[in-house]
Protein backbone atom coordinates (compact mmCIF):
# COMPACT_ATOMS: atom_id res chain seq x y z
CA MET A 1 -197.13 -106.43 -179.13
CA ARG A 2 -197.07 -109.72 -181.04
CA THR A 3 -196.99 -107.72 -184.35
CA GLY A 4 -193.65 -106.24 -183.45
CA PHE A 5 -192.14 -109.50 -182.61
CA LEU A 6 -193.67 -111.15 -185.62
CA MET A 7 -192.16 -108.34 -187.80
CA ALA A 8 -188.72 -108.62 -186.20
CA GLY A 9 -188.88 -112.41 -186.65
CA LEU A 10 -189.70 -112.22 -190.30
CA LEU A 11 -186.85 -109.78 -190.89
CA LEU A 12 -184.49 -112.13 -189.09
CA LEU A 13 -185.76 -115.09 -191.23
CA THR A 14 -185.40 -113.21 -194.49
CA ALA A 15 -182.02 -111.58 -193.68
CA PRO A 16 -179.22 -113.08 -195.78
CA ALA A 17 -176.87 -115.37 -193.94
CA HIS A 18 -173.49 -113.84 -193.33
CA ALA A 19 -171.65 -116.81 -191.93
CA ALA A 20 -172.98 -120.12 -190.71
CA ASP A 21 -172.09 -119.38 -187.10
CA ALA A 22 -172.35 -115.48 -187.12
CA PRO A 23 -175.70 -113.99 -185.83
CA PRO A 24 -177.30 -111.56 -188.29
CA ARG A 25 -176.29 -107.90 -188.25
CA SER A 26 -179.77 -107.00 -186.96
CA VAL A 27 -179.08 -108.64 -183.63
CA TYR A 28 -176.01 -106.38 -183.31
CA VAL A 29 -178.04 -103.28 -184.41
CA THR A 30 -180.52 -103.96 -181.64
CA MET A 31 -177.68 -104.37 -179.01
CA VAL A 32 -176.05 -101.12 -180.10
CA LEU A 33 -179.42 -99.24 -180.03
CA GLN A 34 -180.15 -100.65 -176.55
CA ALA A 35 -176.64 -99.73 -175.32
CA PHE A 36 -177.11 -96.08 -176.46
CA ALA A 37 -180.63 -96.02 -175.12
CA ALA A 38 -179.47 -97.25 -171.71
CA LYS A 39 -176.68 -94.65 -171.72
CA VAL A 40 -179.38 -91.94 -172.22
CA GLU A 41 -182.27 -93.37 -170.27
CA CYS A 42 -180.79 -95.21 -167.39
CA PRO A 43 -179.22 -93.33 -164.47
CA ASN A 44 -175.44 -93.78 -163.98
CA THR A 45 -175.05 -95.89 -167.16
CA ASP A 46 -172.35 -95.45 -169.70
CA LEU A 47 -170.90 -97.33 -172.61
CA VAL A 48 -167.42 -97.60 -174.12
CA TYR A 49 -167.50 -97.30 -177.90
CA GLN A 50 -164.41 -99.70 -178.14
CA ASP A 51 -166.59 -102.38 -176.46
CA LEU A 52 -169.08 -102.14 -179.21
CA VAL A 53 -166.44 -102.38 -181.83
CA GLN A 54 -164.91 -105.46 -180.09
CA LYS A 55 -168.46 -107.10 -180.00
CA ALA A 56 -168.91 -106.55 -183.79
CA GLN A 57 -165.54 -108.19 -184.30
CA GLN A 58 -166.59 -111.14 -182.06
CA MET A 59 -169.72 -111.45 -184.21
CA HIS A 60 -167.60 -111.39 -187.42
CA LEU A 61 -169.15 -108.29 -188.74
CA PRO A 62 -167.31 -106.23 -191.30
CA ASP A 63 -164.94 -103.48 -190.15
CA GLY A 64 -166.75 -100.12 -189.90
CA THR A 65 -170.06 -101.86 -188.87
CA THR A 66 -170.18 -100.04 -185.48
CA GLU A 67 -169.73 -96.62 -187.02
CA LYS A 68 -172.35 -97.20 -189.69
CA VAL A 69 -174.82 -98.35 -187.02
CA ARG A 70 -174.02 -95.45 -184.73
CA LYS A 71 -174.60 -92.97 -187.67
CA ALA A 72 -177.83 -94.69 -188.65
CA ILE A 73 -179.20 -94.66 -185.13
CA ALA A 74 -178.27 -90.94 -184.74
CA TRP A 75 -179.76 -89.99 -188.03
CA MET A 76 -183.03 -91.74 -187.37
CA HIS A 77 -183.41 -90.55 -183.72
CA THR A 78 -182.61 -86.89 -184.59
CA GLY A 79 -184.66 -86.53 -187.70
CA GLY A 80 -181.52 -86.34 -189.86
CA LYS A 81 -179.89 -83.60 -187.73
CA MET A 82 -177.04 -85.85 -186.66
CA GLY A 83 -175.38 -88.95 -188.04
CA GLU A 84 -175.82 -90.09 -191.64
CA LYS A 85 -178.48 -91.99 -193.49
CA GLN A 86 -177.15 -95.47 -194.27
CA ASP A 87 -178.40 -98.10 -196.77
CA ASP A 88 -182.00 -99.08 -196.68
CA ASP A 89 -181.43 -102.41 -195.04
CA LEU A 90 -179.54 -101.01 -192.10
CA MET A 91 -182.17 -98.19 -191.70
CA ALA A 92 -184.87 -100.89 -191.58
CA GLU A 93 -182.84 -102.77 -188.98
CA VAL A 94 -182.65 -99.64 -186.88
CA ALA A 95 -186.40 -99.02 -187.18
CA VAL A 96 -187.21 -102.52 -186.10
CA ALA A 97 -184.77 -102.35 -183.25
CA THR A 98 -186.31 -99.06 -182.18
CA GLN A 99 -189.80 -100.48 -182.22
CA ALA A 100 -188.75 -103.60 -180.34
CA THR A 101 -186.89 -101.49 -177.64
CA ASP A 102 -189.83 -99.07 -177.22
CA MET A 103 -192.20 -102.00 -176.73
CA ASP A 104 -189.82 -103.48 -174.12
CA GLN A 105 -189.56 -100.23 -172.29
CA ARG A 106 -193.37 -99.78 -172.17
CA ARG A 107 -193.92 -103.46 -171.09
CA LEU A 108 -191.22 -103.40 -168.42
CA GLY A 109 -191.46 -99.73 -167.40
CA MET A 110 -188.26 -97.78 -167.72
CA SER A 111 -186.76 -98.76 -164.40
CA GLY A 112 -187.42 -102.50 -165.07
CA TRP A 113 -186.04 -102.09 -168.63
CA CYS A 114 -182.87 -100.44 -167.32
CA GLU A 115 -182.38 -103.19 -164.70
CA ALA A 116 -182.76 -105.84 -167.39
CA GLN A 117 -180.16 -104.19 -169.65
CA LYS A 118 -177.54 -104.64 -166.90
CA THR A 119 -177.74 -108.40 -167.62
CA ASN A 120 -178.64 -108.30 -171.35
CA LEU A 121 -175.97 -105.89 -172.25
CA ALA A 122 -173.19 -106.90 -169.74
CA GLY A 123 -169.87 -106.07 -171.34
CA LEU A 124 -171.37 -103.26 -173.47
CA ILE A 125 -172.66 -101.03 -170.75
CA ARG A 126 -171.39 -100.37 -167.26
CA SER A 127 -171.90 -98.08 -164.22
CA LYS A 128 -170.48 -94.61 -164.72
CA GLY A 129 -167.12 -94.39 -163.10
CA GLY A 130 -166.68 -98.12 -163.18
């Protein structure tokens, strides 16, 4: 378990600085991956794509980041059947986010993980119909 966090930490430390006050793209990649995972894995959970776009803007990420991340996640999680392969750095960020999310799901159990996401991803996920 520590290996995954160490790996993620090393990637964050070696990631190029985008802006002094902006978090690295990898933080956003993890949020998007977890939001899509919550939509699929957690009962009565939905997301609004525009909320993801707005979060990217708030984080001062380049226009089009949300779509690139979505395509990279889809490509990786469908074995290339959906989405599009993106640049190697983004694909590595998706891989690390996937590993971290898998570890969290195993550690907390799916129902515990889903419950935690309601707080962690507030503003990105919501109850269906809400």
